[in-house]
PDB file of N, CA and C in Angstrom:
ATOM      1  N   MET A   1      -4.523  -7.765 -11.633  1.00  0.00           N
ATOM      2  CA  MET A   1      -5.116  -8.382 -11.001  1.00  0.00           C
ATOM      3  C   MET A   1      -6.783  -8.264 -11.524  1.00  0.00           C
ATOM      4  N   ILE A   2      -7.709  -9.328 -11.413  1.00  0.00           N
ATOM      5  CA  ILE A   2      -8.924  -9.427 -11.761  1.00  0.00           C
ATOM      6  C   ILE A   2      -9.645  -9.164 -10.574  1.00  0.00           C
ATOM      7  N   ILE A   3     -10.936  -8.161 -10.920  1.00  0.00           N
ATOM      8  CA  ILE A   3     -11.710  -8.028  -9.808  1.00  0.00           C
ATOM      9  C   ILE A   3     -13.020  -8.379 -10.588  1.00  0.00           C
ATOM     10  N   THR A   4     -13.823  -9.256  -9.812  1.00  0.00           N
ATOM     11  CA  THR A   4     -15.069  -9.488 -10.209  1.00  0.00           C
ATOM     12  C   THR A   4     -16.253  -9.198  -9.317  1.00  0.00           C
ATOM     13  N   LYS A   5     -17.286  -8.533 -10.051  1.00  0.00           N
ATOM     14  CA  LYS A   5     -18.267  -7.737  -9.004  1.00  0.00           C
ATOM     15  C   LYS A   5     -19.594  -8.400  -8.970  1.00  0.00           C
ATOM     16  N   THR A   6     -20.236  -8.698  -7.860  1.00  0.00           N
ATOM     17  CA  THR A   6     -21.454  -9.242  -7.531  1.00  0.00           C
ATOM     18  C   THR A   6     -22.165  -8.346  -6.968  1.00  0.00           C
ATOM     19  N   THR A   7     -23.542  -7.967  -7.302  1.00  0.00           N
ATOM     20  CA  THR A   7     -24.141  -7.029  -6.761  1.00  0.00           C
ATOM     21  C   THR A   7     -25.527  -7.736  -6.094  1.00  0.00           C
ATOM     22  N   ASP A   8     -26.224  -7.774  -5.035  1.00  0.00           N
ATOM     23  CA  ASP A   8     -27.159  -8.062  -4.683  1.00  0.00           C
ATOM     24  C   ASP A   8     -28.154  -7.509  -3.685  1.00  0.00           C
ATOM     25  N   GLY A   9     -28.899  -6.634  -4.222  1.00  0.00           N
ATOM     26  CA  GLY A   9     -29.653  -5.788  -3.558  1.00  0.00           C
ATOM     27  C   GLY A   9     -28.625  -4.432  -3.152  1.00  0.00           C
ATOM     28  N   THR A  10     -28.479  -4.236  -1.620  1.00  0.00           N
ATOM     29  CA  THR A  10     -27.719  -3.572  -1.180  1.00  0.00           C
ATOM     30  C   THR A  10     -26.203  -4.356  -0.947  1.00  0.00           C
ATOM     31  N   SER A  11     -25.931  -5.295  -1.156  1.00  0.00           N
ATOM     32  CA  SER A  11     -24.876  -5.866  -0.751  1.00  0.00           C
ATOM     33  C   SER A  11     -23.933  -6.076  -2.426  1.00  0.00           C
ATOM     34  N   LEU A  12     -22.463  -5.800  -1.838  1.00  0.00           N
ATOM     35  CA  LEU A  12     -21.599  -5.935  -3.171  1.00  0.00           C
ATOM     36  C   LEU A  12     -20.324  -6.945  -2.595  1.00  0.00           C
ATOM     37  N   THR A  13     -20.307  -7.951  -3.513  1.00  0.00           N
ATOM     38  CA  THR A  13     -19.136  -8.835  -3.051  1.00  0.00           C
ATOM     39  C   THR A  13     -18.065  -8.467  -4.381  1.00  0.00           C
ATOM     40  N   LEU A  14     -16.805  -8.351  -3.991  1.00  0.00           N
ATOM     41  CA  LEU A  14     -15.660  -8.228  -4.558  1.00  0.00           C
ATOM     42  C   LEU A  14     -14.726  -9.005  -4.711  1.00  0.00           C
ATOM     43  N   ALA A  15     -14.622 -10.217  -5.755  1.00  0.00           N
ATOM     44  CA  ALA A  15     -13.536 -11.097  -5.627  1.00  0.00           C
ATOM     45  C   ALA A  15     -12.383 -10.539  -6.391  1.00  0.00           C
ATOM     46  N   LEU A  16     -11.468 -10.875  -5.698  1.00  0.00           N
ATOM     47  CA  LEU A  16     -10.022 -10.422  -6.104  1.00  0.00           C
ATOM     48  C   LEU A  16      -9.114 -11.502  -6.415  1.00  0.00           C
ATOM     49  N   GLU A  17      -8.445 -11.582  -7.725  1.00  0.00           N
ATOM     50  CA  GLU A  17      -7.654 -12.410  -7.757  1.00  0.00           C
ATOM     51  C   GLU A  17      -6.252 -12.186  -8.393  1.00  0.00           C
ATOM     52  N   GLY A  18      -5.124 -12.418  -8.141  1.00  0.00           N
ATOM     53  CA  GLY A  18      -3.884 -11.945  -8.487  1.00  0.00           C
ATOM     54  C   GLY A  18      -3.245 -11.205  -6.766  1.00  0.00           C
ATOM     55  N   ARG A  19      -2.536 -10.295  -7.439  1.00  0.00           N
ATOM     56  CA  ARG A  19      -1.664  -9.418  -6.251  1.00  0.00           C
ATOM     57  C   ARG A  19      -2.438  -8.270  -6.306  1.00  0.00           C
ATOM     58  N   LEU A  20      -2.540  -7.630  -5.092  1.00  0.00           N
ATOM     59  CA  LEU A  20      -3.059  -6.178  -4.631  1.00  0.00           C
ATOM     60  C   LEU A  20      -2.007  -5.424  -4.286  1.00  0.00           C
ATOM     61  N   ASP A  21      -1.162  -4.877  -5.084  1.00  0.00           N
ATOM     62  CA  ASP A  21      -0.177  -4.132  -4.817  1.00  0.00           C
ATOM     63  C   ASP A  21      -0.096  -2.533  -5.427  1.00  0.00           C
ATOM     64  N   THR A  22       1.226  -1.942  -5.437  1.00  0.00           N
ATOM     65  CA  THR A  22       1.171  -0.582  -5.796  1.00  0.00           C
ATOM     66  C   THR A  22       0.826  -0.322  -7.278  1.00  0.00           C
ATOM     67  N   MET A  23       0.853  -1.580  -8.017  1.00  0.00           N
ATOM     68  CA  MET A  23       0.383  -1.362  -9.571  1.00  0.00           C
ATOM     69  C   MET A  23      -1.215  -1.332  -9.619  1.00  0.00           C
ATOM     70  N   THR A  24      -1.745  -2.463  -8.675  1.00  0.00           N
ATOM     71  CA  THR A  24      -3.319  -2.618  -8.760  1.00  0.00           C
ATOM     72  C   THR A  24      -3.928  -2.150  -7.859  1.00  0.00           C
ATOM     73  N   ALA A  25      -3.688  -1.582  -6.688  1.00  0.00           N
ATOM     74  CA  ALA A  25      -4.266  -0.740  -6.067  1.00  0.00           C
ATOM     75  C   ALA A  25      -5.197   0.186  -6.290  1.00  0.00           C
ATOM     76  N   PRO A  26      -4.520   1.115  -7.372  1.00  0.00           N
ATOM     77  CA  PRO A  26      -5.391   2.239  -7.713  1.00  0.00           C
ATOM     78  C   PRO A  26      -6.780   1.877  -8.725  1.00  0.00           C
ATOM     79  N   GLN A  27      -6.781   0.431  -9.047  1.00  0.00           N
ATOM     80  CA  GLN A  27      -7.783  -0.621 -10.039  1.00  0.00           C
ATOM     81  C   GLN A  27      -8.931  -0.721  -8.630  1.00  0.00           C
ATOM     82  N   LEU A  28      -8.456  -1.304  -7.545  1.00  0.00           N
ATOM     83  CA  LEU A  28      -9.353  -1.301  -6.766  1.00  0.00           C
ATOM     84  C   LEU A  28      -9.938  -0.151  -6.226  1.00  0.00           C
ATOM     85  N   GLU A  29      -9.208   0.728  -5.770  1.00  0.00           N
ATOM     86  CA  GLU A  29      -9.681   1.959  -5.295  1.00  0.00           C
ATOM     87  C   GLU A  29     -10.673   2.459  -6.143  1.00  0.00           C
ATOM     88  N   SER A  30     -10.413   2.925  -7.608  1.00  0.00           N
ATOM     89  CA  SER A  30     -11.446   3.078  -8.385  1.00  0.00           C
ATOM     90  C   SER A  30     -12.665   2.510  -8.711  1.00  0.00           C
ATOM     91  N   ASP A  31     -12.446   1.117  -8.445  1.00  0.00           N
ATOM     92  CA  ASP A  31     -13.714   0.244  -8.472  1.00  0.00           C
ATOM     93  C   ASP A  31     -14.608   0.328  -7.398  1.00  0.00           C
ATOM     94  N   LEU A  32     -13.968   0.745  -6.367  1.00  0.00           N
ATOM     95  CA  LEU A  32     -14.862   0.505  -5.047  1.00  0.00           C
ATOM     96  C   LEU A  32     -15.460   2.198  -4.927  1.00  0.00           C
ATOM     97  N   ARG A  33     -14.889   3.216  -5.321  1.00  0.00           N
ATOM     98  CA  ARG A  33     -15.359   4.509  -5.515  1.00  0.00           C
ATOM     99  C   ARG A  33     -16.672   4.329  -6.410  1.00  0.00           C
ATOM    100  N   SER A  34     -16.531   3.848  -7.446  1.00  0.00           N
ATOM    101  CA  SER A  34     -17.568   3.783  -8.372  1.00  0.00           C
ATOM    102  C   SER A  34     -18.793   2.796  -8.077  1.00  0.00           C
ATOM    103  N   SER A  35     -18.820   1.967  -7.149  1.00  0.00           N
ATOM    104  CA  SER A  35     -19.638   0.953  -6.673  1.00  0.00           C
ATOM    105  C   SER A  35     -19.887   1.158  -5.651  1.00  0.00           C
ATOM    106  N   ILE A  36     -19.631   1.878  -4.552  1.00  0.00           N
ATOM    107  CA  ILE A  36     -20.058   1.819  -3.304  1.00  0.00           C
ATOM    108  C   ILE A  36     -21.083   2.515  -2.790  1.00  0.00           C
ATOM    109  N   ASP A  37     -21.484   3.543  -3.466  1.00  0.00           N
ATOM    110  CA  ASP A  37     -22.851   4.158  -3.243  1.00  0.00           C
ATOM    111  C   ASP A  37     -24.019   3.451  -2.804  1.00  0.00           C
ATOM    112  N   GLY A  38     -24.748   3.510  -2.102  1.00  0.00           N
ATOM    113  CA  GLY A  38     -26.056   2.939  -1.690  1.00  0.00           C
ATOM    114  C   GLY A  38     -25.567   1.649  -0.942  1.00  0.00           C
ATOM    115  N   ILE A  39     -24.674   1.360  -1.081  1.00  0.00           N
ATOM    116  CA  ILE A  39     -24.140  -0.312  -0.506  1.00  0.00           C
ATOM    117  C   ILE A  39     -23.937  -0.372   1.331  1.00  0.00           C
ATOM    118  N   ASP A  40     -24.642  -1.094   1.589  1.00  0.00           N
ATOM    119  CA  ASP A  40     -24.711  -1.056   3.217  1.00  0.00           C
ATOM    120  C   ASP A  40     -23.783  -2.530   3.433  1.00  0.00           C
ATOM    121  N   LYS A  41     -23.611  -3.210   2.523  1.00  0.00           N
ATOM    122  CA  LYS A  41     -22.467  -4.477   2.971  1.00  0.00           C
ATOM    123  C   LYS A  41     -21.732  -4.727   1.885  1.00  0.00           C
ATOM    124  N   LEU A  42     -20.315  -4.839   2.175  1.00  0.00           N
ATOM    125  CA  LEU A  42     -19.374  -4.767   1.388  1.00  0.00           C
ATOM    126  C   LEU A  42     -18.615  -6.120   1.536  1.00  0.00           C
ATOM    127  N   PHE A  43     -18.455  -7.115   0.724  1.00  0.00           N
ATOM    128  CA  PHE A  43     -17.674  -8.304   1.147  1.00  0.00           C
ATOM    129  C   PHE A  43     -16.594  -8.486   0.025  1.00  0.00           C
ATOM    130  N   LEU A  44     -15.446  -8.440   0.536  1.00  0.00           N
ATOM    131  CA  LEU A  44     -14.111  -8.763  -0.310  1.00  0.00           C
ATOM    132  C   LEU A  44     -13.751 -10.124  -0.009  1.00  0.00           C
ATOM    133  N   ASP A  45     -14.165 -10.913  -1.280  1.00  0.00           N
ATOM    134  CA  ASP A  45     -13.546 -12.533  -1.218  1.00  0.00           C
ATOM    135  C   ASP A  45     -12.100 -12.396  -2.042  1.00  0.00           C
ATOM    136  N   PHE A  46     -11.101 -13.033  -0.989  1.00  0.00           N
ATOM    137  CA  PHE A  46      -9.949 -12.891  -1.051  1.00  0.00           C
ATOM    138  C   PHE A  46      -9.505 -14.367  -1.552  1.00  0.00           C
ATOM    139  N   THR A  47     -10.272 -15.286  -1.936  1.00  0.00           N
ATOM    140  CA  THR A  47     -10.107 -16.799  -2.316  1.00  0.00           C
ATOM    141  C   THR A  47      -8.586 -16.857  -2.987  1.00  0.00           C
ATOM    142  N   SER A  48      -9.004 -16.330  -4.119  1.00  0.00           N
ATOM    143  CA  SER A  48      -7.784 -16.073  -5.290  1.00  0.00           C
ATOM    144  C   SER A  48      -6.744 -15.188  -5.179  1.00  0.00           C
ATOM    145  N   LEU A  49      -6.706 -14.284  -3.876  1.00  0.00           N
ATOM    146  CA  LEU A  49      -5.513 -13.221  -3.741  1.00  0.00           C
ATOM    147  C   LEU A  49      -4.382 -13.677  -3.115  1.00  0.00           C
ATOM    148  N   GLU A  50      -3.283 -13.343  -3.545  1.00  0.00           N
ATOM    149  CA  GLU A  50      -2.004 -13.785  -3.613  1.00  0.00           C
ATOM    150  C   GLU A  50      -1.091 -13.130  -2.611  1.00  0.00           C
ATOM    151  N   TYR A  51      -1.317 -11.883  -2.732  1.00  0.00           N
ATOM    152  CA  TYR A  51      -0.510 -10.874  -1.875  1.00  0.00           C
ATOM    153  C   TYR A  51      -1.219  -9.575  -1.940  1.00  0.00           C
ATOM    154  N   VAL A  52      -0.686  -9.037  -0.617  1.00  0.00           N
ATOM    155  CA  VAL A  52      -1.269  -7.332  -0.531  1.00  0.00           C
ATOM    156  C   VAL A  52      -0.152  -6.486   0.044  1.00  0.00           C
ATOM    157  N   SER A  53      -0.033  -5.492  -0.349  1.00  0.00           N
ATOM    158  CA  SER A  53       1.580  -4.761   0.027  1.00  0.00           C
ATOM    159  C   SER A  53       0.664  -3.494   0.602  1.00  0.00           C
ATOM    160  N   SER A  54       1.646  -2.523   1.056  1.00  0.00           N
ATOM    161  CA  SER A  54       1.307  -1.335   1.831  1.00  0.00           C
ATOM    162  C   SER A  54       0.110  -0.502   1.212  1.00  0.00           C
ATOM    163  N   ALA A  55       0.400  -0.524  -0.246  1.00  0.00           N
ATOM    164  CA  ALA A  55      -0.512   0.290  -1.183  1.00  0.00           C
ATOM    165  C   ALA A  55      -2.076  -0.033  -1.032  1.00  0.00           C
ATOM    166  N   GLY A  56      -1.908  -1.812  -0.954  1.00  0.00           N
ATOM    167  CA  GLY A  56      -3.437  -2.313  -0.692  1.00  0.00           C
ATOM    168  C   GLY A  56      -3.925  -2.154   0.429  1.00  0.00           C
ATOM    169  N   LEU A  57      -2.778  -2.320   1.631  1.00  0.00           N
ATOM    170  CA  LEU A  57      -3.850  -2.239   3.044  1.00  0.00           C
ATOM    171  C   LEU A  57      -4.341  -0.758   3.141  1.00  0.00           C
ATOM    172  N   ARG A  58      -3.614   0.211   2.288  1.00  0.00           N
ATOM    173  CA  ARG A  58      -4.177   1.745   2.381  1.00  0.00           C
ATOM    174  C   ARG A  58      -5.620   1.797   1.647  1.00  0.00           C
ATOM    175  N   VAL A  59      -5.711   0.813   0.675  1.00  0.00           N
ATOM    176  CA  VAL A  59      -6.997   0.917  -0.182  1.00  0.00           C
ATOM    177  C   VAL A  59      -8.185   0.553   0.972  1.00  0.00           C
ATOM    178  N   LEU A  60      -7.738  -0.656   1.365  1.00  0.00           N
ATOM    179  CA  LEU A  60      -8.636  -1.621   2.319  1.00  0.00           C
ATOM    180  C   LEU A  60      -9.071  -0.747   3.822  1.00  0.00           C
ATOM    181  N   LEU A  61      -7.931   0.032   4.118  1.00  0.00           N
ATOM    182  CA  LEU A  61      -8.255   0.729   5.069  1.00  0.00           C
ATOM    183  C   LEU A  61      -9.283   2.202   4.942  1.00  0.00           C
ATOM    184  N   SER A  62      -8.947   2.439   3.848  1.00  0.00           N
ATOM    185  CA  SER A  62     -10.045   3.448   3.192  1.00  0.00           C
ATOM    186  C   SER A  62     -11.390   3.096   2.946  1.00  0.00           C
ATOM    187  N   ALA A  63     -11.758   1.717   2.411  1.00  0.00           N
ATOM    188  CA  ALA A  63     -12.702   1.336   2.058  1.00  0.00           C
ATOM    189  C   ALA A  63     -13.557   0.900   3.674  1.00  0.00           C
ATOM    190  N   GLN A  64     -12.640   0.621   4.523  1.00  0.00           N
ATOM    191  CA  GLN A  64     -13.360   0.170   5.717  1.00  0.00           C
ATOM    192  C   GLN A  64     -13.968   1.445   6.597  1.00  0.00           C
ATOM    193  N   LYS A  65     -13.119   2.600   6.481  1.00  0.00           N
ATOM    194  CA  LYS A  65     -13.537   3.633   6.851  1.00  0.00           C
ATOM    195  C   LYS A  65     -14.975   4.147   6.278  1.00  0.00           C
ATOM    196  N   ILE A  66     -15.135   4.499   4.916  1.00  0.00           N
ATOM    197  CA  ILE A  66     -16.102   4.531   4.281  1.00  0.00           C
ATOM    198  C   ILE A  66     -17.440   3.749   4.858  1.00  0.00           C
ATOM    199  N   MET A  67     -17.231   2.481   4.760  1.00  0.00           N
ATOM    200  CA  MET A  67     -18.142   1.507   5.176  1.00  0.00           C
ATOM    201  C   MET A  67     -18.364   1.492   6.670  1.00  0.00           C
ATOM    202  N   ASN A  68     -17.634   1.845   7.583  1.00  0.00           N
ATOM    203  CA  ASN A  68     -17.956   2.035   8.741  1.00  0.00           C
ATOM    204  C   ASN A  68     -19.196   3.133   8.763  1.00  0.00           C
ATOM    205  N   LYS A  69     -19.394   4.187   8.271  1.00  0.00           N
ATOM    206  CA  LYS A  69     -20.244   5.012   8.313  1.00  0.00           C
ATOM    207  C   LYS A  69     -21.669   4.659   7.372  1.00  0.00           C
ATOM    208  N   GLN A  70     -21.401   3.669   6.459  1.00  0.00           N
ATOM    209  CA  GLN A  70     -22.726   3.416   5.817  1.00  0.00           C
ATOM    210  C   GLN A  70     -23.055   1.981   5.897  1.00  0.00           C
ATOM    211  N   GLY A  71     -22.202   1.040   6.433  1.00  0.00           N
ATOM    212  CA  GLY A  71     -22.886  -0.373   6.818  1.00  0.00           C
ATOM    213  C   GLY A  71     -21.649  -1.056   7.609  1.00  0.00           C
ATOM    214  N   SER A  72     -21.227  -2.332   6.466  1.00  0.00           N
ATOM    215  CA  SER A  72     -20.226  -2.954   7.167  1.00  0.00           C
ATOM    216  C   SER A  72     -19.428  -3.586   5.786  1.00  0.00           C
ATOM    217  N   MET A  73     -18.104  -4.145   6.334  1.00  0.00           N
ATOM    218  CA  MET A  73     -17.347  -4.461   5.318  1.00  0.00           C
ATOM    219  C   MET A  73     -16.544  -5.864   5.933  1.00  0.00           C
ATOM    220  N   VAL A  74     -16.627  -7.000   5.177  1.00  0.00           N
ATOM    221  CA  VAL A  74     -16.299  -8.179   5.576  1.00  0.00           C
ATOM    222  C   VAL A  74     -15.254  -8.638   4.633  1.00  0.00           C
ATOM    223  N   ILE A  75     -14.087  -9.303   4.834  1.00  0.00           N
ATOM    224  CA  ILE A  75     -13.102  -9.824   4.149  1.00  0.00           C
ATOM    225  C   ILE A  75     -13.286 -11.415   4.336  1.00  0.00           C
ATOM    226  N   ARG A  76     -13.277 -11.969   3.342  1.00  0.00           N
ATOM    227  CA  ARG A  76     -13.438 -13.575   3.507  1.00  0.00           C
ATOM    228  C   ARG A  76     -12.483 -14.287   2.736  1.00  0.00           C
ATOM    229  N   ASN A  77     -12.386 -15.483   2.989  1.00  0.00           N
ATOM    230  CA  ASN A  77     -11.621 -16.545   2.234  1.00  0.00           C
ATOM    231  C   ASN A  77     -10.112 -16.010   2.112  1.00  0.00           C
ATOM    232  N   VAL A  78      -9.317 -15.615   3.409  1.00  0.00           N
ATOM    233  CA  VAL A  78      -7.866 -15.053   3.263  1.00  0.00           C
ATOM    234  C   VAL A  78      -7.192 -16.318   3.430  1.00  0.00           C
ATOM    235  N   ASN A  79      -6.074 -16.283   2.411  1.00  0.00           N
ATOM    236  CA  ASN A  79      -5.146 -17.419   2.775  1.00  0.00           C
ATOM    237  C   ASN A  79      -4.108 -17.103   3.833  1.00  0.00           C
ATOM    238  N   GLU A  80      -3.370 -18.096   4.010  1.00  0.00           N
ATOM    239  CA  GLU A  80      -2.298 -17.813   5.359  1.00  0.00           C
ATOM    240  C   GLU A  80      -1.180 -16.949   4.920  1.00  0.00           C
ATOM    241  N   ASN A  81      -0.609 -16.395   3.762  1.00  0.00           N
ATOM    242  CA  ASN A  81       0.087 -15.220   3.331  1.00  0.00           C
ATOM    243  C   ASN A  81      -0.121 -14.026   3.541  1.00  0.00           C
ATOM    244  N   VAL A  82      -1.553 -13.967   3.020  1.00  0.00           N
ATOM    245  CA  VAL A  82      -2.465 -12.600   3.479  1.00  0.00           C
ATOM    246  C   VAL A  82      -2.753 -12.233   4.940  1.00  0.00           C
ATOM    247  N   MET A  83      -3.048 -13.228   5.444  1.00  0.00           N
ATOM    248  CA  MET A  83      -3.286 -13.491   7.067  1.00  0.00           C
ATOM    249  C   MET A  83      -2.024 -12.888   7.860  1.00  0.00           C
ATOM    250  N   ASP A  84      -0.899 -13.453   7.249  1.00  0.00           N
ATOM    251  CA  ASP A  84       0.221 -13.122   8.022  1.00  0.00           C
ATOM    252  C   ASP A  84       0.325 -11.601   7.891  1.00  0.00           C
ATOM    253  N   ILE A  85       0.185 -11.269   6.722  1.00  0.00           N
ATOM    254  CA  ILE A  85       0.499  -9.539   6.452  1.00  0.00           C
ATOM    255  C   ILE A  85      -0.414  -8.780   7.370  1.00  0.00           C
ATOM    256  N   PHE A  86      -1.743  -9.151   7.209  1.00  0.00           N
ATOM    257  CA  PHE A  86      -2.645  -8.559   8.350  1.00  0.00           C
ATOM    258  C   PHE A  86      -2.265  -8.803   9.933  1.00  0.00           C
ATOM    259  N   ASP A  87      -1.840  -9.966  10.276  1.00  0.00           N
ATOM    260  CA  ASP A  87      -1.293 -10.118  11.309  1.00  0.00           C
ATOM    261  C   ASP A  87      -0.024  -8.942  11.949  1.00  0.00           C
ATOM    262  N   ILE A  88       0.799  -8.939  11.220  1.00  0.00           N
ATOM    263  CA  ILE A  88       1.976  -8.176  11.347  1.00  0.00           C
ATOM    264  C   ILE A  88       1.863  -6.791  11.395  1.00  0.00           C
ATOM    265  N   THR A  89       0.826  -6.246  10.449  1.00  0.00           N
ATOM    266  CA  THR A  89       0.650  -4.986  10.196  1.00  0.00           C
ATOM    267  C   THR A  89      -0.587  -4.303  11.301  1.00  0.00           C
ATOM    268  N   GLY A  90      -1.262  -5.325  12.103  1.00  0.00           N
ATOM    269  CA  GLY A  90      -2.370  -5.086  13.147  1.00  0.00           C
ATOM    270  C   GLY A  90      -3.588  -4.748  12.543  1.00  0.00           C
ATOM    271  N   PHE A  91      -3.801  -5.115  11.214  1.00  0.00           N
ATOM    272  CA  PHE A  91      -4.862  -5.033  10.492  1.00  0.00           C
ATOM    273  C   PHE A  91      -5.973  -6.275  10.850  1.00  0.00           C
ATOM    274  N   VAL A  92      -5.687  -7.300  11.672  1.00  0.00           N
ATOM    275  CA  VAL A  92      -6.570  -8.002  12.107  1.00  0.00           C
ATOM    276  C   VAL A  92      -7.624  -7.509  13.299  1.00  0.00           C
ATOM    277  N   ASP A  93      -7.075  -6.414  13.668  1.00  0.00           N
ATOM    278  CA  ASP A  93      -7.480  -5.684  14.662  1.00  0.00           C
ATOM    279  C   ASP A  93      -8.616  -4.512  14.174  1.00  0.00           C
ATOM    280  N   ILE A  94      -8.472  -4.241  13.040  1.00  0.00           N
ATOM    281  CA  ILE A  94      -9.387  -3.162  12.265  1.00  0.00           C
ATOM    282  C   ILE A  94     -10.261  -3.910  11.565  1.00  0.00           C
ATOM    283  N   LEU A  95      -9.958  -4.946  10.547  1.00  0.00           N
ATOM    284  CA  LEU A  95     -10.685  -5.301   9.449  1.00  0.00           C
ATOM    285  C   LEU A  95     -11.694  -6.566  10.233  1.00  0.00           C
ATOM    286  N   THR A  96     -12.660  -6.812   9.900  1.00  0.00           N
ATOM    287  CA  THR A  96     -13.385  -8.089  10.225  1.00  0.00           C
ATOM    288  C   THR A  96     -13.057  -9.064   9.098  1.00  0.00           C
ATOM    289  N   ILE A  97     -12.336  -9.876   9.284  1.00  0.00           N
ATOM    290  CA  ILE A  97     -11.758 -11.178   8.786  1.00  0.00           C
ATOM    291  C   ILE A  97     -12.851 -12.367   8.936  1.00  0.00           C
ATOM    292  N   GLU A  98     -13.438 -13.118   8.124  1.00  0.00           N
ATOM    293  CA  GLU A  98     -14.150 -14.480   8.233  1.00  0.00           C
ATOM    294  C   GLU A  98     -13.218 -15.627   7.778  1.00  0.00           C
TER     295      GLU A  98
END
């Protein structure tokens, strides 16, 4: 998975490309932990994300809990396959998806 970071003041955008699964979830978790301090708006761009596994969902839930305390988190450009995963797991009710 490739993660592209863009910071604009206290906003951070992470564009994910590839698969967010057991192998790549630790990479996203590490990037989030090292980048999220002082951020009040976190945007995750899923334009090029093909798949999310349960390990990826865990990282997203953890990020959402942190951002609930310090600001907001929005997931953008979710494809149909990933949206189906969010629907089936009930994450559409937990995450802010645009």
